Structures are given as C-alpha cells and as structure tokens.
C-alpha cells in the first residue's frame, strides 16, 4: 500500500560516494 514497501528508503541505500573509486581487489597477473 505504501511506495516505501516497494523500494528501500534512501537512508538504507546511500548513493555511491563521489570521488576516486576504491582500487579493485588485487588479482594475480596471468602468466605469459
């Protein structure tokens, strides 16, 4: 009955932090 039931409140899902994105997890470099 409420619109809030369909989607979580904005407080639950904060917008993506602006600025430099965090470095991706270091993955092992493929051997050549």
PDB file of N, CA and C in Angstrom:
ATOM      1  N   UNK A   1       0.828  -1.202   0.000  1.00  0.00           N
ATOM      2  CA  UNK A   1       0.000   0.000   0.000  1.00  0.00           C
ATOM      3  C   UNK A   1       0.864   1.254   0.000  1.00  0.00           C
ATOM      4  N   UNK A   2       2.088   1.125   0.511  1.00  0.00           N
ATOM      5  CA  UNK A   2       2.972   2.298   0.565  1.00  0.00           C
ATOM      6  C   UNK A   2       4.082   2.179  -0.456  1.00  0.00           C
ATOM      7  N   UNK A   3       4.508   3.295  -1.003  1.00  0.00           N
ATOM      8  CA  UNK A   3       5.580   3.249  -2.003  1.00  0.00           C
ATOM      9  C   UNK A   3       6.890   2.786  -1.363  1.00  0.00           C
ATOM     10  N   UNK A   4       7.040   3.052  -0.071  1.00  0.00           N
ATOM     11  CA  UNK A   4       8.275   2.677   0.619  1.00  0.00           C
ATOM     12  C   UNK A   4       8.436   1.165   0.697  1.00  0.00           C
ATOM     13  N   UNK A   5       7.318   0.434   0.560  1.00  0.00           N
ATOM     14  CA  UNK A   5       7.401  -1.023   0.661  1.00  0.00           C
ATOM     15  C   UNK A   5       8.061  -1.611  -0.583  1.00  0.00           C
ATOM     16  N   UNK A   6       7.897  -0.931  -1.712  1.00  0.00           N
ATOM     17  CA  UNK A   6       8.466  -1.464  -2.958  1.00  0.00           C
ATOM     18  C   UNK A   6       9.982  -1.310  -2.967  1.00  0.00           C
ATOM     19  N   UNK A   7      10.450  -0.130  -2.592  1.00  0.00           N
ATOM     20  CA  UNK A   7      11.897   0.118  -2.606  1.00  0.00           C
ATOM     21  C   UNK A   7      12.352   0.548  -1.222  1.00  0.00           C
ATOM     22  N   UNK A   8      13.576   0.156  -0.838  1.00  0.00           N
ATOM     23  CA  UNK A   8      14.083   0.546   0.485  1.00  0.00           C
ATOM     24  C   UNK A   8      14.251   2.048   0.561  1.00  0.00           C
ATOM     25  N   UNK A   9      14.128   2.622   1.742  1.00  0.00           N
ATOM     26  CA  UNK A   9      14.287   4.071   1.904  1.00  0.00           C
ATOM     27  C   UNK A   9      15.680   4.499   1.472  1.00  0.00           C
ATOM     28  N   UNK A  10      15.829   5.740   1.021  1.00  0.00           N
ATOM     29  CA  UNK A  10      17.134   6.227   0.569  1.00  0.00           C
ATOM     30  C   UNK A  10      18.201   6.080   1.652  1.00  0.00           C
ATOM     31  N   UNK A  11      17.779   6.104   2.905  1.00  0.00           N
ATOM     32  CA  UNK A  11      18.748   6.003   4.003  1.00  0.00           C
ATOM     33  C   UNK A  11      19.380   4.606   4.013  1.00  0.00           C
ATOM     34  N   UNK A  12      18.607   3.603   3.582  1.00  0.00           N
ATOM     35  CA  UNK A  12      19.124   2.233   3.605  1.00  0.00           C
ATOM     36  C   UNK A  12      20.198   2.055   2.532  1.00  0.00           C
ATOM     37  N   UNK A  13      19.996   2.711   1.373  1.00  0.00           N
ATOM     38  CA  UNK A  13      20.985   2.568   0.297  1.00  0.00           C
ATOM     39  C   UNK A  13      21.560   3.931  -0.047  1.00  0.00           C
ATOM     40  N   UNK A  14      22.617   4.340   0.635  1.00  0.00           N
ATOM     41  CA  UNK A  14      23.220   5.647   0.367  1.00  0.00           C
ATOM     42  C   UNK A  14      23.760   5.694  -1.051  1.00  0.00           C
ATOM     43  N   UNK A  15      23.749   6.865  -1.677  1.00  0.00           N
ATOM     44  CA  UNK A  15      24.267   6.992  -3.041  1.00  0.00           C
ATOM     45  C   UNK A  15      25.754   6.671  -3.078  1.00  0.00           C
ATOM     46  N   UNK A  16      26.273   6.246  -4.225  1.00  0.00           N
ATOM     47  CA  UNK A  16      27.698   5.922  -4.321  1.00  0.00           C
ATOM     48  C   UNK A  16      28.548   7.121  -3.964  1.00  0.00           C
ATOM     49  N   UNK A  17      29.565   6.901  -3.173  1.00  0.00           N
ATOM     50  CA  UNK A  17      30.424   8.014  -2.761  1.00  0.00           C
ATOM     51  C   UNK A  17      31.131   8.589  -3.984  1.00  0.00           C
ATOM     52  N   UNK A  18      31.098   9.920  -4.099  1.00  0.00           N
ATOM     53  CA  UNK A  18      31.770  10.533  -5.253  1.00  0.00           C
ATOM     54  C   UNK A  18      33.261  10.668  -4.981  1.00  0.00           C
ATOM     55  N   UNK A  19      34.028  10.764  -6.058  1.00  0.00           N
ATOM     56  CA  UNK A  19      35.471  10.898  -5.865  1.00  0.00           C
ATOM     57  C   UNK A  19      36.191   9.703  -6.453  1.00  0.00           C
ATOM     58  N   UNK A  20      37.459   9.547  -6.123  1.00  0.00           N
ATOM     59  CA  UNK A  20      38.241   8.428  -6.665  1.00  0.00           C
ATOM     60  C   UNK A  20      37.645   7.097  -6.235  1.00  0.00           C
ATOM     61  N   UNK A  21      37.432   6.220  -7.193  1.00  0.00           N
ATOM     62  CA  UNK A  21      36.851   4.917  -6.841  1.00  0.00           C
ATOM     63  C   UNK A  21      37.903   4.063  -6.147  1.00  0.00           C
ATOM     64  N   UNK A  22      37.471   3.234  -5.192  1.00  0.00           N
ATOM     65  CA  UNK A  22      38.426   2.362  -4.490  1.00  0.00           C
ATOM     66  C   UNK A  22      39.093   1.405  -5.471  1.00  0.00           C
ATOM     67  N   UNK A  23      40.345   1.072  -5.212  1.00  0.00           N
ATOM     68  CA  UNK A  23      41.059   0.167  -6.127  1.00  0.00           C
ATOM     69  C   UNK A  23      40.394  -1.198  -6.123  1.00  0.00           C
ATOM     70  N   UNK A  24      40.278  -1.830  -7.278  1.00  0.00           N
ATOM     71  CA  UNK A  24      39.691  -3.179  -7.322  1.00  0.00           C
ATOM     72  C   UNK A  24      40.592  -4.157  -6.590  1.00  0.00           C
ATOM     73  N   UNK A  25      40.063  -5.284  -6.148  1.00  0.00           N
ATOM     74  CA  UNK A  25      40.887  -6.266  -5.438  1.00  0.00           C
ATOM     75  C   UNK A  25      42.056  -6.696  -6.310  1.00  0.00           C
ATOM     76  N   UNK A  26      43.230  -6.774  -5.713  1.00  0.00           N
ATOM     77  CA  UNK A  26      44.416  -7.156  -6.490  1.00  0.00           C
ATOM     78  C   UNK A  26      44.263  -8.589  -6.991  1.00  0.00           C
ATOM     79  N   UNK A  27      44.310  -8.756  -8.308  1.00  0.00           N
ATOM     80  CA  UNK A  27      44.198 -10.128  -8.817  1.00  0.00           C
ATOM     81  C   UNK A  27      45.563 -10.608  -9.293  1.00  0.00           C
ATOM     82  N   UNK A  28      45.809 -11.894  -9.195  1.00  0.00           N
ATOM     83  CA  UNK A  28      47.094 -12.430  -9.669  1.00  0.00           C
ATOM     84  C   UNK A  28      47.236 -12.190 -11.159  1.00  0.00           C
ATOM     85  N   UNK A  29      48.402 -11.673 -11.585  1.00  0.00           N
ATOM     86  CA  UNK A  29      48.590 -11.409 -13.018  1.00  0.00           C
ATOM     87  C   UNK A  29      48.718 -12.731 -13.768  1.00  0.00           C
ATOM     88  N   UNK A  30      48.033 -12.854 -14.886  1.00  0.00           N
ATOM     89  CA  UNK A  30      48.133 -14.114 -15.665  1.00  0.00           C
ATOM     90  C   UNK A  30      49.546 -14.315 -16.187  1.00  0.00           C
ATOM     91  N   UNK A  31      50.055 -15.526 -16.054  1.00  0.00           N
ATOM     92  CA  UNK A  31      51.422 -15.784 -16.551  1.00  0.00           C
ATOM     93  C   UNK A  31      51.410 -15.852 -18.062  1.00  0.00           C
ATOM     94  N   UNK A  32      52.457 -15.321 -18.684  1.00  0.00           N
ATOM     95  CA  UNK A  32      52.506 -15.385 -20.152  1.00  0.00           C
ATOM     96  C   UNK A  32      53.539 -16.407 -20.571  1.00  0.00           C
TER      97      UNK A  32
END
